[in-house]
Amino acid sequence: MLNTLLPTANVMVNLPGLIGLGFLIGVLSGWFGVGGGFLMTPLLNIVFGIPYNIAVGSDLCQMVGTTTAASLKHKAYGHIDYRLALFTLMGSVGGVELGARLLVKLKRLGSITIHNYSFSKMYLWMTGIYVVLLLIVATSMFFESIKAKKRAPQGGVVATRISVKIQKIRIAPTLSLPISGIESISVWTLIALGFVVGIASGLLGVGGGFIITPCLIYFFGIPTRIAIGTGLFQIIFTSGYGTLTHFFKGNVNFYLAACILAGSLGGSQLGAMLNKKIRAASTRYYFSFVLFIAVGVIILKFLYNLGYIG
């Protein structure tokens, strides 16, 4: 009874394992403002053997519930800038569709043999993209957070040269973001960010939080807690649209999504409470380690598949 067959993926999975993984991802979602897809999608493939395309679509489906629950908690804390979320969402819808179509193309590339082991080209591309993106974000956040922890608390605001330049862009139309503490910013910069995040969501099966949250903090100068709450709120919509488009492509297993969601709902509430209590610089510091762990897991699995370990 603890194991069940997923018809769409044709894989036997352990139910307590899925629920436990969902709880862990829920904690990360509420604490760091991410949908958790950057960990969930590769772990579903690595630990449970679920094909990447099914992992992507099903994870996006459960992400709708997880991020909704976490967003409600952050809303109570006043951590969501709805104007900021609205304009990033304007760009993300087109990006999600483009990302989903790219995934379909990767699925059709076929296989390749390396050291007498056969791999789908989709697996190799997805693994490479994950590792590069996660390393860039993790390394940048790690070194910045170390410096920030040595300074006096500044409300989670990270002023960088890039954020100052972006805020000075005056391409009309512009708007003010009082909740985020920004007097004026070009709407087009927010739409462009949303488009990039949308591509990541559709292609990698992530809500885009591990990209949009650091970008809002370092590129736009948004306070950390506002970036986290707003990032979670917009993930509801990007993951929702991603679920829809992947459903029509046959990539969603609702039973798998429900099992993960059963654990993630409680975890997201715990994570949101941790975010409220822990200093912003420390939150960014811990987040970088989560990303490094994700990279390590993905690389170890790849080496295992090549026969170098295990």
Protein backbone atom coordinates (compact mmCIF):
# COMPACT_ATOMS: atom_id res chain seq x y z
CA MET A 1 0.00 0.00 0.00
CA LEU A 2 2.99 2.28 0.45
CA ASN A 3 3.92 1.95 -3.22
CA THR A 4 1.77 2.78 -6.22
CA LEU A 5 2.08 2.77 -9.98
CA LEU A 6 1.90 6.08 -11.86
CA PRO A 7 0.24 5.15 -15.18
CA THR A 8 1.37 8.25 -17.08
CA ALA A 9 5.00 7.74 -16.08
CA ASN A 10 4.82 3.91 -15.78
CA VAL A 11 6.88 4.10 -12.55
CA MET A 12 6.35 2.63 -9.06
CA VAL A 13 6.69 5.33 -6.37
CA ASN A 14 6.74 5.35 -2.57
CA LEU A 15 3.84 7.42 -1.16
CA PRO A 16 5.43 8.41 2.21
CA GLY A 17 8.54 9.45 0.30
CA LEU A 18 6.53 11.71 -2.01
CA ILE A 19 4.63 13.29 0.89
CA GLY A 20 7.87 13.82 2.85
CA LEU A 21 9.52 15.44 -0.16
CA GLY A 22 6.44 17.63 -0.55
CA PHE A 23 6.73 18.81 3.07
CA LEU A 24 10.40 19.72 2.59
CA ILE A 25 9.63 21.64 -0.59
CA GLY A 26 6.76 23.40 1.18
CA VAL A 27 9.11 24.65 3.91
CA LEU A 28 11.51 25.99 1.28
CA SER A 29 8.62 27.61 -0.57
CA GLY A 30 7.32 29.54 2.41
CA TRP A 31 10.76 30.45 3.75
CA PHE A 32 12.61 31.45 0.60
CA GLY A 33 9.79 32.51 -1.72
CA VAL A 34 10.32 29.76 -4.28
CA GLY A 35 7.95 27.22 -5.76
CA GLY A 36 10.53 24.54 -5.01
CA GLY A 37 10.59 23.25 -8.57
CA PHE A 38 14.35 23.74 -8.85
CA LEU A 39 14.64 20.92 -6.29
CA MET A 40 11.40 19.03 -6.78
CA THR A 41 11.70 18.42 -10.52
CA PRO A 42 15.25 16.95 -10.49
CA LEU A 43 14.53 14.98 -7.28
CA LEU A 44 11.41 13.42 -8.80
CA ASN A 45 13.64 12.26 -11.64
CA ILE A 46 16.64 11.32 -9.50
CA VAL A 47 14.99 9.65 -6.50
CA PHE A 48 11.74 8.30 -8.00
CA GLY A 49 12.78 7.78 -11.63
CA ILE A 50 9.94 9.91 -13.02
CA PRO A 51 10.66 11.22 -16.56
CA TYR A 52 11.53 14.90 -16.66
CA ASN A 53 8.53 15.91 -18.75
CA ILE A 54 6.07 14.29 -16.27
CA ALA A 55 8.03 15.70 -13.31
CA VAL A 56 7.85 19.19 -14.83
CA GLY A 57 4.12 19.19 -15.52
CA SER A 58 3.08 17.50 -12.24
CA ASP A 59 5.33 19.71 -10.11
CA LEU A 60 3.85 22.85 -11.68
CA CYS A 61 0.39 21.48 -10.82
CA GLN A 62 1.13 20.97 -7.11
CA MET A 63 2.97 24.27 -7.00
CA VAL A 64 -0.30 26.14 -7.50
CA GLY A 65 -1.59 24.86 -4.15
CA THR A 66 1.69 25.22 -2.26
CA THR A 67 2.39 28.80 -3.31
CA THR A 68 -1.23 29.84 -2.70
CA ALA A 69 -1.00 28.63 0.90
CA ALA A 70 2.37 30.32 1.44
CA SER A 71 1.17 33.56 -0.20
CA LEU A 72 -1.79 33.80 2.16
CA LYS A 73 0.63 33.66 5.08
CA HIS A 74 2.89 36.33 3.56
CA LYS A 75 -0.16 38.47 2.77
CA ALA A 76 -0.96 38.52 6.48
CA TYR A 77 2.59 39.78 7.12
CA GLY A 78 2.26 42.52 4.47
CA HIS A 79 5.03 41.05 2.28
CA ILE A 80 3.32 41.25 -1.13
CA ASP A 81 3.62 44.13 -3.63
CA TYR A 82 0.68 43.50 -5.95
CA ARG A 83 1.64 46.20 -8.47
CA LEU A 84 5.08 44.67 -8.84
CA ALA A 85 3.58 41.20 -9.28
CA LEU A 86 1.09 42.41 -11.90
CA PHE A 87 3.69 43.77 -14.31
CA THR A 88 6.09 40.84 -13.99
CA LEU A 89 3.13 38.56 -14.74
CA MET A 90 2.41 40.49 -17.94
CA GLY A 91 5.70 39.22 -19.33
CA SER A 92 5.67 35.75 -17.81
CA VAL A 93 2.68 34.27 -19.68
CA GLY A 94 4.41 34.39 -23.06
CA GLY A 95 7.61 33.11 -21.49
CA VAL A 96 5.86 30.07 -19.98
CA GLU A 97 4.44 29.06 -23.36
CA LEU A 98 7.84 29.44 -25.04
CA GLY A 99 9.50 27.36 -22.31
CA ALA A 100 6.90 24.58 -22.59
CA ARG A 101 7.38 24.41 -26.36
CA LEU A 102 11.15 24.19 -25.91
CA LEU A 103 10.64 21.23 -23.55
CA VAL A 104 8.54 19.43 -26.18
CA LYS A 105 11.34 19.95 -28.72
CA LEU A 106 13.91 18.56 -26.27
CA LYS A 107 11.69 15.52 -25.68
CA ARG A 108 11.83 14.77 -29.42
CA LEU A 109 15.64 14.92 -29.71
CA GLY A 110 16.09 11.22 -29.00
CA SER A 111 18.99 9.57 -27.16
CA ILE A 112 22.77 9.66 -27.04
CA THR A 113 25.29 7.06 -25.80
CA ILE A 114 28.08 8.05 -23.38
CA HIS A 115 30.51 5.39 -22.08
CA ASN A 116 28.10 2.65 -23.18
CA TYR A 117 25.23 4.28 -21.25
CA SER A 118 22.22 5.60 -23.14
CA PHE A 119 20.72 8.95 -22.12
CA SER A 120 17.89 11.00 -23.54
CA LYS A 121 19.16 14.31 -24.87
CA MET A 122 16.35 15.95 -22.91
CA TYR A 123 17.90 14.65 -19.68
CA LEU A 124 21.35 15.96 -20.59
CA TRP A 125 20.06 19.41 -21.58
CA MET A 126 17.87 19.73 -18.49
CA THR A 127 20.67 18.62 -16.19
CA GLY A 128 23.13 21.08 -17.72
CA ILE A 129 20.70 24.01 -17.56
CA TYR A 130 19.83 23.27 -13.93
CA VAL A 131 23.45 23.04 -12.81
CA VAL A 132 24.55 26.26 -14.54
CA LEU A 133 21.59 28.34 -13.32
CA LEU A 134 21.74 27.05 -9.75
CA LEU A 135 25.50 27.60 -9.48
CA ILE A 136 25.26 31.19 -10.72
CA VAL A 137 22.47 32.10 -8.31
CA ALA A 138 23.94 30.19 -5.34
CA THR A 139 27.46 31.61 -5.68
CA SER A 140 26.27 35.21 -6.06
CA MET A 141 23.88 34.95 -3.12
CA PHE A 142 26.41 33.21 -0.87
CA PHE A 143 29.12 35.88 -1.12
CA GLU A 144 26.67 38.79 -0.93
CA SER A 145 24.91 37.40 2.15
CA ILE A 146 28.22 36.91 3.97
CA LYS A 147 29.00 40.60 3.48
CA ALA A 148 25.47 41.59 4.48
CA LYS A 149 25.58 39.58 7.71
CA LYS A 150 28.62 41.62 8.82
CA ARG A 151 26.69 44.87 8.39
CA ALA A 152 23.97 46.28 10.59
CA PRO A 153 20.44 45.19 9.57
CA GLN A 154 19.05 47.35 6.76
CA GLY A 155 15.54 45.98 6.40
CA GLY A 156 16.60 43.45 3.80
CA VAL A 157 17.38 46.08 1.14
CA VAL A 158 20.33 45.25 -1.11
CA ALA A 159 21.54 48.27 -3.11
CA THR A 160 23.79 47.26 -6.02
CA ARG A 161 25.17 49.11 -9.01
CA ILE A 162 22.82 47.16 -11.24
CA SER A 163 19.74 47.96 -9.14
CA VAL A 164 20.61 51.65 -9.13
CA LYS A 165 21.01 51.68 -12.93
CA ILE A 166 17.79 49.75 -13.51
CA GLN A 167 15.82 52.11 -11.30
CA LYS A 168 17.22 55.04 -13.30
CA ILE A 169 15.85 53.68 -16.60
CA ARG A 170 13.12 56.08 -17.68
CA ILE A 171 11.56 54.32 -20.68
CA ALA A 172 7.86 55.21 -20.52
CA PRO A 173 5.58 54.17 -19.02
CA THR A 174 6.95 54.23 -15.48
CA LEU A 175 5.30 53.56 -12.14
CA SER A 176 6.02 53.87 -8.44
CA LEU A 177 6.15 50.91 -6.05
CA PRO A 178 5.57 52.34 -2.55
CA ILE A 179 5.45 48.95 -0.83
CA SER A 180 8.86 48.09 -2.31
CA GLY A 181 10.26 51.55 -1.58
CA ILE A 182 10.80 52.48 -5.25
CA GLU A 183 9.78 55.95 -6.41
CA SER A 184 9.90 55.26 -10.15
CA ILE A 185 10.76 52.34 -12.42
CA SER A 186 10.13 51.48 -16.06
CA VAL A 187 7.29 49.03 -16.63
CA TRP A 188 9.29 47.41 -19.44
CA THR A 189 12.05 46.24 -17.09
CA LEU A 190 9.47 44.38 -14.98
CA ILE A 191 7.86 42.81 -18.06
CA ALA A 192 11.28 41.67 -19.33
CA LEU A 193 12.03 40.04 -15.96
CA GLY A 194 8.66 38.28 -16.06
CA PHE A 195 9.35 36.93 -19.55
CA VAL A 196 12.67 35.38 -18.49
CA VAL A 197 11.07 33.86 -15.39
CA GLY A 198 8.24 32.51 -17.54
CA ILE A 199 10.66 30.68 -19.83
CA ALA A 200 12.29 29.03 -16.80
CA SER A 201 8.87 28.03 -15.48
CA GLY A 202 7.70 26.40 -18.71
CA LEU A 203 11.00 24.70 -19.53
CA LEU A 204 12.27 23.58 -16.13
CA GLY A 205 9.02 23.01 -14.25
CA VAL A 206 9.78 25.73 -11.72
CA GLY A 207 7.65 28.62 -10.58
CA GLY A 208 10.66 30.79 -11.29
CA GLY A 209 11.12 31.80 -7.65
CA PHE A 210 14.78 30.82 -7.53
CA ILE A 211 15.31 33.28 -10.38
CA ILE A 212 12.81 36.06 -9.71
CA THR A 213 13.51 36.38 -5.97
CA PRO A 214 17.28 36.98 -6.36
CA CYS A 215 16.61 39.24 -9.39
CA LEU A 216 14.15 41.38 -7.45
CA ILE A 217 16.64 41.66 -4.59
CA TYR A 218 19.88 42.28 -6.50
CA PHE A 219 18.75 43.77 -9.84
CA PHE A 220 15.80 45.87 -8.64
CA GLY A 221 16.72 46.62 -5.01
CA ILE A 222 13.50 45.17 -3.56
CA PRO A 223 13.59 44.38 0.21
CA THR A 224 14.16 40.67 0.75
CA ARG A 225 10.86 39.88 2.48
CA ILE A 226 8.86 41.83 -0.11
CA ALA A 227 10.72 40.04 -2.92
CA ILE A 228 9.94 36.67 -1.35
CA GLY A 229 6.23 37.37 -0.76
CA THR A 230 5.74 38.96 -4.19
CA GLY A 231 7.67 36.18 -5.91
CA LEU A 232 5.41 33.58 -4.29
CA PHE A 233 2.28 35.45 -5.35
CA GLN A 234 3.28 35.62 -9.01
CA ILE A 235 4.32 31.95 -8.99
CA ILE A 236 0.65 31.05 -8.40
CA PHE A 237 -0.16 32.36 -11.87
CA THR A 238 2.94 31.23 -13.77
CA SER A 239 2.65 27.70 -12.37
CA GLY A 240 -1.10 27.73 -13.06
CA TYR A 241 -0.60 28.61 -16.70
CA GLY A 242 2.30 26.17 -16.91
CA THR A 243 0.06 23.41 -15.56
CA LEU A 244 -2.56 24.16 -18.18
CA THR A 245 -0.21 24.11 -21.15
CA HIS A 246 1.58 20.96 -19.92
CA PHE A 247 -1.76 19.24 -19.32
CA PHE A 248 -2.60 19.57 -23.02
CA LYS A 249 0.85 18.19 -23.84
CA GLY A 250 0.25 15.09 -21.68
CA ASN A 251 2.83 15.97 -19.03
CA VAL A 252 0.63 16.18 -15.89
CA ASN A 253 -0.08 13.31 -13.47
CA PHE A 254 -2.69 14.59 -10.99
CA TYR A 255 -2.21 11.72 -8.54
CA LEU A 256 1.49 12.52 -8.29
CA ALA A 257 0.71 16.21 -7.81
CA ALA A 258 -1.84 15.44 -5.06
CA CYS A 259 0.65 13.27 -3.13
CA ILE A 260 3.26 16.03 -3.15
CA LEU A 261 0.67 18.68 -2.24
CA ALA A 262 -0.45 16.65 0.78
CA GLY A 263 2.93 17.29 2.38
CA SER A 264 3.75 20.71 0.98
CA LEU A 265 0.71 22.58 2.35
CA GLY A 266 1.82 22.18 5.97
CA GLY A 267 5.45 22.79 5.12
CA SER A 268 4.69 26.10 3.40
CA GLN A 269 3.07 27.48 6.57
CA LEU A 270 6.11 26.56 8.65
CA GLY A 271 8.43 28.13 6.08
CA ALA A 272 6.53 31.42 6.06
CA MET A 273 6.86 31.65 9.86
CA LEU A 274 10.63 31.03 9.60
CA ASN A 275 10.88 33.83 7.05
CA LYS A 276 9.20 36.24 9.47
CA LYS A 277 11.53 35.40 12.35
CA ILE A 278 14.93 35.11 10.63
CA ARG A 279 17.00 38.10 9.46
CA ALA A 280 16.90 38.76 5.71
CA ALA A 281 20.66 38.38 5.19
CA SER A 282 20.60 35.02 6.99
CA THR A 283 17.68 33.91 4.85
CA ARG A 284 19.68 34.61 1.68
CA TYR A 285 22.71 32.82 3.20
CA TYR A 286 20.73 29.65 4.01
CA PHE A 287 19.06 29.75 0.61
CA SER A 288 22.44 29.66 -1.14
CA PHE A 289 23.27 26.40 0.67
CA VAL A 290 19.98 24.85 -0.45
CA LEU A 291 20.95 25.66 -4.03
CA PHE A 292 24.46 24.19 -3.59
CA ILE A 293 22.93 20.99 -2.19
CA ALA A 294 20.63 20.78 -5.20
CA VAL A 295 23.62 21.07 -7.55
CA GLY A 296 25.47 18.34 -5.64
CA VAL A 297 22.52 15.94 -5.81
CA ILE A 298 22.10 16.46 -9.55
CA ILE A 299 25.81 15.93 -10.27
CA LEU A 300 25.99 12.79 -8.09
CA LYS A 301 23.02 11.29 -9.90
CA PHE A 302 24.62 12.04 -13.27
CA LEU A 303 27.87 10.35 -12.19
CA TYR A 304 25.85 7.39 -10.89
CA ASN A 305 24.11 7.05 -14.25
CA LEU A 306 27.53 7.06 -15.94
CA GLY A 307 28.67 4.22 -13.64
CA TYR A 308 31.37 6.22 -11.85
CA ILE A 309 29.78 5.77 -8.41
CA GLY A 310 27.46 3.20 -6.86
